[in-house]
Structures are given as structure tokens and as C-alpha cells.
C-alpha atoms as a PDB file:
ATOM      1  CA  MET A   1     132.844 103.714 140.275  1.00  0.00           C
ATOM      2  CA  ASP A   2     128.990 102.770 141.595  1.00  0.00           C
ATOM      3  CA  LYS A   3     128.533  99.309 141.532  1.00  0.00           C
ATOM      4  CA  ARG A   4     124.899  99.755 142.084  1.00  0.00           C
ATOM      5  CA  ARG A   5     124.885 101.192 138.333  1.00  0.00           C
ATOM      6  CA  PRO A   6     124.100  98.927 135.434  1.00  0.00           C
ATOM      7  CA  ALA A   7     127.161  98.243 132.836  1.00  0.00           C
ATOM      8  CA  VAL A   8     126.729  99.970 129.628  1.00  0.00           C
ATOM      9  CA  VAL A   9     126.933  97.520 126.483  1.00  0.00           C
ATOM     10  CA  VAL A  10     127.575  99.899 123.571  1.00  0.00           C
ATOM     11  CA  LEU A  11     127.088  97.709 120.193  1.00  0.00           C
ATOM     12  CA  ALA A  12     129.687  98.813 117.510  1.00  0.00           C
ATOM     13  CA  ALA A  13     130.078  95.406 115.394  1.00  0.00           C
ATOM     14  CA  GLY A  14     127.504  96.090 112.595  1.00  0.00           C
ATOM     15  CA  ARG A  15     129.214  96.721 109.439  1.00  0.00           C
ATOM     16  CA  GLY A  16     127.064  99.770 108.213  1.00  0.00           C
ATOM     17  CA  HIS A  17     126.066  98.668 104.703  1.00  0.00           C
ATOM     18  CA  ARG A  18     123.805 101.336 104.099  1.00  0.00           C
ATOM     19  CA  PHE A  19     126.452 103.966 104.909  1.00  0.00           C
ATOM     20  CA  ALA A  20     127.944 104.953 101.336  1.00  0.00           C
ATOM     21  CA  GLY A  21     130.563 107.423 102.875  1.00  0.00           C
ATOM     22  CA  THR A  22     134.105 106.933 102.815  1.00  0.00           C
ATOM     23  CA  GLY A  23     135.408 104.775 105.590  1.00  0.00           C
ATOM     24  CA  HIS A  24     133.080 103.456 108.630  1.00  0.00           C
ATOM     25  CA  LYS A  25     130.352 105.245 109.536  1.00  0.00           C
ATOM     26  CA  LEU A  26     131.519 105.090 113.271  1.00  0.00           C
ATOM     27  CA  THR A  27     134.779 106.970 112.690  1.00  0.00           C
ATOM     28  CA  GLN A  28     133.104 109.772 110.920  1.00  0.00           C
ATOM     29  CA  SER A  29     134.010 113.441 112.008  1.00  0.00           C
ATOM     30  CA  LEU A  30     131.643 115.083 114.578  1.00  0.00           C
ATOM     31  CA  GLY A  31     133.157 118.659 115.306  1.00  0.00           C
ATOM     32  CA  ASP A  32     136.330 117.871 117.170  1.00  0.00           C
ATOM     33  CA  SER A  33     135.481 114.262 117.864  1.00  0.00           C
ATOM     34  CA  THR A  34     134.168 111.277 115.842  1.00  0.00           C
ATOM     35  CA  VAL A  35     130.698 109.336 116.204  1.00  0.00           C
ATOM     36  CA  ILE A  36     132.285 106.657 118.094  1.00  0.00           C
ATOM     37  CA  GLU A  37     134.220 108.645 120.389  1.00  0.00           C
ATOM     38  CA  ARG A  38     131.062 110.929 121.291  1.00  0.00           C
ATOM     39  CA  VAL A  39     129.318 107.562 122.011  1.00  0.00           C
ATOM     40  CA  LEU A  40     132.008 106.401 124.467  1.00  0.00           C
ATOM     41  CA  GLY A  41     132.231 109.716 125.974  1.00  0.00           C
ATOM     42  CA  THR A  42     128.974 109.454 127.021  1.00  0.00           C
ATOM     43  CA  ALA A  43     128.943 105.831 128.087  1.00  0.00           C
ATOM     44  CA  ILE A  44     131.919 106.448 130.366  1.00  0.00           C
ATOM     45  CA  GLY A  45     130.313 109.635 131.921  1.00  0.00           C
ATOM     46  CA  MET A  46     127.960 107.074 133.772  1.00  0.00           C
ATOM     47  CA  GLN A  47     130.572 106.151 136.304  1.00  0.00           C
ATOM     48  CA  SER A  48     130.230 102.391 135.424  1.00  0.00           C
ATOM     49  CA  ARG A  49     131.681  99.592 133.689  1.00  0.00           C
ATOM     50  CA  VAL A  50     131.863  99.971 129.901  1.00  0.00           C
ATOM     51  CA  VAL A  51     132.137  97.316 127.579  1.00  0.00           C
ATOM     52  CA  VAL A  52     132.195  97.470 123.715  1.00  0.00           C
ATOM     53  CA  VAL A  53     131.253  94.653 121.491  1.00  0.00           C
ATOM     54  CA  THR A  54     132.810  95.315 118.165  1.00  0.00           C
ATOM     55  CA  SER A  55     134.606  93.814 115.108  1.00  0.00           C
ATOM     56  CA  VAL A  56     138.044  93.296 114.263  1.00  0.00           C
ATOM     57  CA  ASP A  57     138.244  96.243 111.915  1.00  0.00           C
ATOM     58  CA  LEU A  58     137.180  98.748 114.524  1.00  0.00           C
ATOM     59  CA  ALA A  59     139.308  97.197 117.432  1.00  0.00           C
ATOM     60  CA  ASP A  60     142.186  99.581 117.076  1.00  0.00           C
ATOM     61  CA  VAL A  61     139.919 102.755 117.149  1.00  0.00           C
ATOM     62  CA  VAL A  62     137.873 101.431 120.099  1.00  0.00           C
ATOM     63  CA  THR A  63     141.032 100.524 122.362  1.00  0.00           C
ATOM     64  CA  GLN A  64     142.487 104.167 122.118  1.00  0.00           C
ATOM     65  CA  HIS A  65     139.295 104.960 124.392  1.00  0.00           C
ATOM     66  CA  ILE A  66     138.418 101.692 126.281  1.00  0.00           C
ATOM     67  CA  ALA A  67     140.795  99.276 127.918  1.00  0.00           C
ATOM     68  CA  ALA A  68     141.273  95.985 125.993  1.00  0.00           C
ATOM     69  CA  ARG A  69     139.904  94.082 128.513  1.00  0.00           C
ATOM     70  CA  ASP A  70     136.470  95.707 128.167  1.00  0.00           C
ATOM     71  CA  VAL A  71     136.375  95.133 124.397  1.00  0.00           C
ATOM     72  CA  VAL A  72     134.576  91.901 123.035  1.00  0.00           C
ATOM     73  CA  LEU A  73     135.443  91.131 119.333  1.00  0.00           C
ATOM     74  CA  LEU A  74     132.903  89.205 117.342  1.00  0.00           C
ATOM     75  CA  PRO A  75     134.324  87.174 114.703  1.00  0.00           C
ATOM     76  CA  GLU A  76     132.624  87.999 111.081  1.00  0.00           C
ATOM     77  CA  ALA A  77     130.297  85.109 109.406  1.00  0.00           C
ATOM     78  CA  GLN A  78     132.069  83.147 106.496  1.00  0.00           C
ATOM     79  CA  SER A  79     129.801  81.971 103.468  1.00  0.00           C
ATOM     80  CA  PRO A  80     130.391  78.621 102.232  1.00  0.00           C
ATOM     81  CA  SER A  81     132.416  80.205  99.819  1.00  0.00           C
ATOM     82  CA  GLY A  82     134.824  81.504 102.174  1.00  0.00           C
ATOM     83  CA  GLU A  83     133.724  85.287 101.631  1.00  0.00           C
ATOM     84  CA  SER A  84     132.334  87.541 104.191  1.00  0.00           C
ATOM     85  CA  ALA A  85     128.651  87.014 105.019  1.00  0.00           C
ATOM     86  CA  ASN A  86     126.191  88.968 106.941  1.00  0.00           C
ATOM     87  CA  GLY A  87     128.068  88.521 110.103  1.00  0.00           C
ATOM     88  CA  PRO A  88     126.679  88.471 113.720  1.00  0.00           C
ATOM     89  CA  GLY A  89     123.397  90.221 114.062  1.00  0.00           C
ATOM     90  CA  MET A  90     122.566  92.445 117.122  1.00  0.00           C
ATOM     91  CA  GLY A  91     121.018  89.535 119.447  1.00  0.00           C
ATOM     92  CA  ASP A  92     124.832  88.437 119.301  1.00  0.00           C
ATOM     93  CA  SER A  93     126.194  91.201 120.333  1.00  0.00           C
ATOM     94  CA  ILE A  94     123.784  91.948 123.246  1.00  0.00           C
ATOM     95  CA  ALA A  95     124.420  88.410 124.197  1.00  0.00           C
ATOM     96  CA  ALA A  96     128.164  88.945 124.090  1.00  0.00           C
ATOM     97  CA  GLY A  97     128.432  92.224 125.835  1.00  0.00           C
ATOM     98  CA  VAL A  98     126.259  90.751 128.729  1.00  0.00           C
ATOM     99  CA  ALA A  99     128.144  87.592 129.395  1.00  0.00           C
ATOM    100  CA  ALA A 100     131.383  90.094 129.500  1.00  0.00           C
ATOM    101  CA  THR A 101     129.917  91.754 132.451  1.00  0.00           C
ATOM    102  CA  GLY A 102     127.985  89.050 133.944  1.00  0.00           C
ATOM    103  CA  ASP A 103     128.572  90.555 137.270  1.00  0.00           C
ATOM    104  CA  ALA A 104     126.963  93.618 136.388  1.00  0.00           C
ATOM    105  CA  ASP A 105     123.895  94.879 138.127  1.00  0.00           C
ATOM    106  CA  GLY A 106     121.727  95.427 135.009  1.00  0.00           C
ATOM    107  CA  TRP A 107     122.761  96.453 131.428  1.00  0.00           C
ATOM    108  CA  LEU A 108     122.194  99.589 129.437  1.00  0.00           C
ATOM    109  CA  ILE A 109     122.323  98.860 125.265  1.00  0.00           C
ATOM    110  CA  LEU A 110     123.722 101.683 123.703  1.00  0.00           C
ATOM    111  CA  PRO A 111     124.272 101.660 119.753  1.00  0.00           C
ATOM    112  CA  ALA A 112     127.438 103.284 119.113  1.00  0.00           C
ATOM    113  CA  ASP A 113     125.789 105.000 115.877  1.00  0.00           C
ATOM    114  CA  MET A 114     123.416 107.219 118.340  1.00  0.00           C
ATOM    115  CA  PRO A 115     125.861 110.278 118.901  1.00  0.00           C
ATOM    116  CA  LEU A 116     123.386 112.457 120.310  1.00  0.00           C
ATOM    117  CA  VAL A 117     122.025 110.240 123.482  1.00  0.00           C
ATOM    118  CA  ARG A 118     122.702 112.270 126.424  1.00  0.00           C
ATOM    119  CA  LEU A 119     124.447 111.276 129.485  1.00  0.00           C
ATOM    120  CA  SER A 120     121.274 112.329 131.435  1.00  0.00           C
ATOM    121  CA  SER A 121     119.011 109.954 129.499  1.00  0.00           C
ATOM    122  CA  LEU A 122     121.478 107.373 130.227  1.00  0.00           C
ATOM    123  CA  HIS A 123     121.126 108.049 133.877  1.00  0.00           C
ATOM    124  CA  ALA A 124     117.088 108.194 133.730  1.00  0.00           C
ATOM    125  CA  VAL A 125     117.068 104.544 132.188  1.00  0.00           C
ATOM    126  CA  ALA A 126     119.346 103.296 134.843  1.00  0.00           C
ATOM    127  CA  ASP A 127     117.059 104.886 137.914  1.00  0.00           C
ATOM    128  CA  ALA A 128     114.173 103.155 136.123  1.00  0.00           C
ATOM    129  CA  LEU A 129     115.878  99.543 136.113  1.00  0.00           C
ATOM    130  CA  LEU A 130     115.478  99.894 140.146  1.00  0.00           C
ATOM    131  CA  HIS A 131     111.848  99.133 140.007  1.00  0.00           C
ATOM    132  CA  HIS A 132     111.322  97.647 136.590  1.00  0.00           C
ATOM    133  CA  PRO A 133     112.929  94.419 134.760  1.00  0.00           C
ATOM    134  CA  ILE A 134     113.012  96.384 131.880  1.00  0.00           C
ATOM    135  CA  ALA A 135     113.249  99.998 131.154  1.00  0.00           C
ATOM    136  CA  TYR A 136     113.951 102.095 127.697  1.00  0.00           C
ATOM    137  CA  ALA A 137     114.303 105.597 126.390  1.00  0.00           C
ATOM    138  CA  GLN A 138     111.397 107.156 124.760  1.00  0.00           C
ATOM    139  CA  HIS A 139     110.857 110.801 123.194  1.00  0.00           C
ATOM    140  CA  ARG A 140     107.266 112.278 122.077  1.00  0.00           C
ATOM    141  CA  GLY A 141     106.027 108.829 122.657  1.00  0.00           C
ATOM    142  CA  ARG A 142     108.365 107.169 120.070  1.00  0.00           C
ATOM    143  CA  GLN A 143     110.798 104.147 121.588  1.00  0.00           C
ATOM    144  CA  GLY A 144     114.681 104.609 121.245  1.00  0.00           C
ATOM    145  CA  HIS A 145     117.714 103.685 123.288  1.00  0.00           C
ATOM    146  CA  PRO A 146     119.241 103.193 125.670  1.00  0.00           C
ATOM    147  CA  VAL A 147     117.234 100.321 126.342  1.00  0.00           C
ATOM    148  CA  GLY A 148     118.058  98.561 130.232  1.00  0.00           C
ATOM    149  CA  PHE A 149     117.409  95.305 131.513  1.00  0.00           C
ATOM    150  CA  GLY A 150     117.657  94.005 134.739  1.00  0.00           C
ATOM    151  CA  THR A 151     120.136  90.816 136.109  1.00  0.00           C
ATOM    152  CA  GLU A 152     116.753  88.466 136.269  1.00  0.00           C
ATOM    153  CA  LEU A 153     117.214  88.675 132.356  1.00  0.00           C
ATOM    154  CA  TYR A 154     120.725  87.466 131.945  1.00  0.00           C
ATOM    155  CA  SER A 155     120.141  84.130 130.933  1.00  0.00           C
ATOM    156  CA  GLU A 156     117.952  85.062 128.107  1.00  0.00           C
ATOM    157  CA  LEU A 157     120.136  87.980 127.271  1.00  0.00           C
ATOM    158  CA  THR A 158     123.104  85.958 126.783  1.00  0.00           C
ATOM    159  CA  ALA A 159     120.902  83.465 124.613  1.00  0.00           C
ATOM    160  CA  LEU A 160     120.081  86.416 121.868  1.00  0.00           C
ATOM    161  CA  ARG A 161     121.051  85.584 118.487  1.00  0.00           C
ATOM    162  CA  GLY A 162     120.356  86.941 114.994  1.00  0.00           C
ATOM    163  CA  ASP A 163     119.005  90.525 113.846  1.00  0.00           C
ATOM    164  CA  LEU A 164     116.117  90.784 116.176  1.00  0.00           C
ATOM    165  CA  GLY A 165     117.845  91.905 119.042  1.00  0.00           C
ATOM    166  CA  ALA A 166     116.158  91.828 122.466  1.00  0.00           C
ATOM    167  CA  ARG A 167     112.371  92.633 120.818  1.00  0.00           C
ATOM    168  CA  ARG A 168     111.126  89.366 122.053  1.00  0.00           C
ATOM    169  CA  LEU A 169     112.127  90.347 125.794  1.00  0.00           C
ATOM    170  CA  LEU A 170     110.209  93.760 125.497  1.00  0.00           C
ATOM    171  CA  ALA A 171     107.216  91.814 124.164  1.00  0.00           C
ATOM    172  CA  ARG A 172     107.335  89.008 126.954  1.00  0.00           C
ATOM    173  CA  TYR A 173     107.992  90.788 129.885  1.00  0.00           C
ATOM    174  CA  PRO A 174     106.862  94.346 131.467  1.00  0.00           C
ATOM    175  CA  ALA A 175     109.045  97.130 130.050  1.00  0.00           C
ATOM    176  CA  GLN A 176     108.766 100.685 131.486  1.00  0.00           C
ATOM    177  CA  ALA A 177     109.013 103.761 128.993  1.00  0.00           C
ATOM    178  CA  VAL A 178     111.093 106.572 130.291  1.00  0.00           C
ATOM    179  CA  GLU A 179     109.756 109.978 128.438  1.00  0.00           C
ATOM    180  CA  LEU A 180     112.706 112.226 127.857  1.00  0.00           C
ATOM    181  CA  ASP A 181     113.357 115.350 126.196  1.00  0.00           C
ATOM    182  CA  ASP A 182     116.040 114.102 124.433  1.00  0.00           C
ATOM    183  CA  PRO A 183     115.705 113.496 120.653  1.00  0.00           C
ATOM    184  CA  GLY A 184     119.059 111.997 120.462  1.00  0.00           C
ATOM    185  CA  VAL A 185     117.406 108.872 121.888  1.00  0.00           C
ATOM    186  CA  LEU A 186     115.772 108.372 118.381  1.00  0.00           C
ATOM    187  CA  LEU A 187     118.492 109.665 116.131  1.00  0.00           C
ATOM    188  CA  ASP A 188     121.289 106.882 114.826  1.00  0.00           C
ATOM    189  CA  ILE A 189     123.411 106.899 111.790  1.00  0.00           C
ATOM    190  CA  ASP A 190     122.935 104.805 109.070  1.00  0.00           C
ATOM    191  CA  THR A 191     123.305 106.953 105.715  1.00  0.00           C
ATOM    192  CA  LEU A 192     125.259 109.817 104.537  1.00  0.00           C
ATOM    193  CA  ASP A 193     122.071 111.644 104.788  1.00  0.00           C
ATOM    194  CA  ASP A 194     121.895 111.196 108.630  1.00  0.00           C
ATOM    195  CA  LEU A 195     125.355 112.048 109.067  1.00  0.00           C
ATOM    196  CA  THR A 196     124.730 115.335 107.620  1.00  0.00           C
ATOM    197  CA  ARG A 197     121.838 116.053 109.717  1.00  0.00           C
ATOM    198  CA  VAL A 198     123.328 114.827 112.635  1.00  0.00           C
ATOM    199  CA  ARG A 199     126.209 117.396 111.822  1.00  0.00           C
ATOM    200  CA  ALA A 200     123.980 120.112 111.258  1.00  0.00           C
ATOM    201  CA  LEU A 201     122.190 119.741 114.887  1.00  0.00           C
ATOM    202  CA  LEU A 202     125.492 120.059 116.431  1.00  0.00           C
ATOM    203  CA  SER A 203     126.322 123.072 114.794  1.00  0.00           C
ATOM    204  CA  GLU A 204     123.214 124.811 115.636  1.00  0.00           C
ATOM    205  CA  GLN A 205     124.007 127.962 117.505  1.00  0.00           C
ATOM    206  CA  VAL A 206     120.823 128.876 118.631  1.00  0.00           C
ATOM    207  CA  PRO A 207     121.063 128.533 122.538  1.00  0.00           C
ATOM    208  CA  ALA A 208     118.293 126.531 123.775  1.00  0.00           C
ATOM    209  CA  ALA A 209     117.178 128.830 126.481  1.00  0.00           C
ATOM    210  CA  GLU A 210     117.034 131.596 124.151  1.00  0.00           C
ATOM    211  CA  SER A 211     115.125 129.987 121.460  1.00  0.00           C
ATOM    212  CA  GLY A 212     112.447 128.630 123.710  1.00  0.00           C
ATOM    213  CA  HIS A 213     113.000 124.994 122.683  1.00  0.00           C
ATOM    214  CA  SER A 214     114.784 121.843 123.864  1.00  0.00           C
ATOM    215  CA  GLU A 215     118.615 121.281 122.548  1.00  0.00           C
ATOM    216  CA  PHE A 216     118.387 119.766 118.872  1.00  0.00           C
ATOM    217  CA  GLU A 217     114.794 121.222 118.065  1.00  0.00           C
ATOM    218  CA  THR A 218     115.923 124.469 116.399  1.00  0.00           C
ATOM    219  CA  LEU A 219     116.236 122.481 113.013  1.00  0.00           C
ATOM    220  CA  PRO A 220     113.743 120.073 111.201  1.00  0.00           C
ATOM    221  CA  VAL A 221     114.530 116.431 112.663  1.00  0.00           C
ATOM    222  CA  ALA A 222     113.390 113.501 110.538  1.00  0.00           C
ATOM    223  CA  ALA A 223     114.172 111.404 113.499  1.00  0.00           C
ATOM    224  CA  ARG A 224     113.087 107.803 112.993  1.00  0.00           C
ATOM    225  CA  THR A 225     111.739 105.253 115.556  1.00  0.00           C
ATOM    226  CA  ILE A 226     114.840 102.815 116.664  1.00  0.00           C
ATOM    227  CA  SER A 227     113.944  99.114 116.814  1.00  0.00           C
ATOM    228  CA  ALA A 228     114.060  97.840 120.248  1.00  0.00           C
ATOM    229  CA  ALA A 229     117.860  96.551 121.093  1.00  0.00           C
END
């Protein structure tokens, strides 16, 4: 494990309200794997510390691949009636993951519903953090994930709350875009249509070298811009 590499904080605590399929969106199959397994495999490939921020419902799934000490459970919020409310937001997840890895040399924030992000993209953003306090993946001028933060932002990251994530930090501090030939940095899975699209991309059999296009570009992709961290 390279101690100079940032820790990877995988955000897997969202409740996935927009996903109308059977089961949680992160446990859906993708070839011989699942959404969460592909993301964790990529994160582990960084050879740095990986921490997963998740919910009690997914804890058993996550601990099949990540040591329990590196799993941070976020409690569900309760409404005054005692029923589950919307729960913690992305800001809470980022704060919890960063706090759990306070001795890391920076952090890469990677949502668990983005299974097409390439390992090379994580490395590229990590390299940019050597020279910038914030760096983020970008494809064809569109901001995506992962988003990386340097150690100087620890206090502000651990103070984040709510659904806005770290957008205000990107607005306040110099942030370096890392242009990548990786459409996966823009593709998340929120709906059944998203899942179908990702499965189609993964099953595409035309080799990139033969088609003359980069990987994942042989099928039309309605990629959405991902909100900042």
C-alpha cells in the first residue's frame, strides 16, 4: 500500500429512491459481478486505503469485500412520527468517510453507483492532488467523479452536512479539472434505464482498437453531468 496515495471514500449510503427495480440498485447484477462489487474492485485497485460509507441495510454486502474496520455505517434519520425520513445526505457521508481516514494523504470521493469509472481515472485525479488542493475527473468538458481533496481541507470536509456534498468547497477553492477519455466518470445508476444503459455498454463486443473509438463510445450514451461530490 502506497502511503502517499489518497484514501478512497466510497459513498454507498444513499437510499436510491429513484430506482424502481427489485432490490437495492447497488446489488444489481452487471455481468458476473454487481454494481457495488465493480466499484469496490476499482477502488481496491488503487492500492491505498478504502473506506466505504454505507447503511445498515448494505453492511453485510459491503463486508464481503471490505474489512469491517473500513466500513462506516450512517444511521437513518427518523421523522417525528418515528418513521424513516430522507436520511443523511452526501455531505454527511463525505464527512464520515474523511473523519474515518484522518491520517490519509488526501481523499478521493467515489459514489458507489458509478461502476464504469476506470482505475486509471482514479490514479489521474490522485496525481493532480500532488499539485492542487482539489481535483476532479472531467470528460469532454463535463465534471464528474472521482473528486479529490487535499489534506488541508480536512476540517471543512468533516464539517459537511446535507445533500449539497462538497460543492461549496469547489466554489471556494482552486479546483483542477482532469480531462479524461473515460465516459464512466459521468455515468451513475439512479434508475432502471440507467442500469439498462450500463449493462448495454458492458456487453458491447466491438473492441475499441477495431472500432476506432474509445471504450464505451460504440453505443449512444445519454451521459448526465454528475453534481460535484
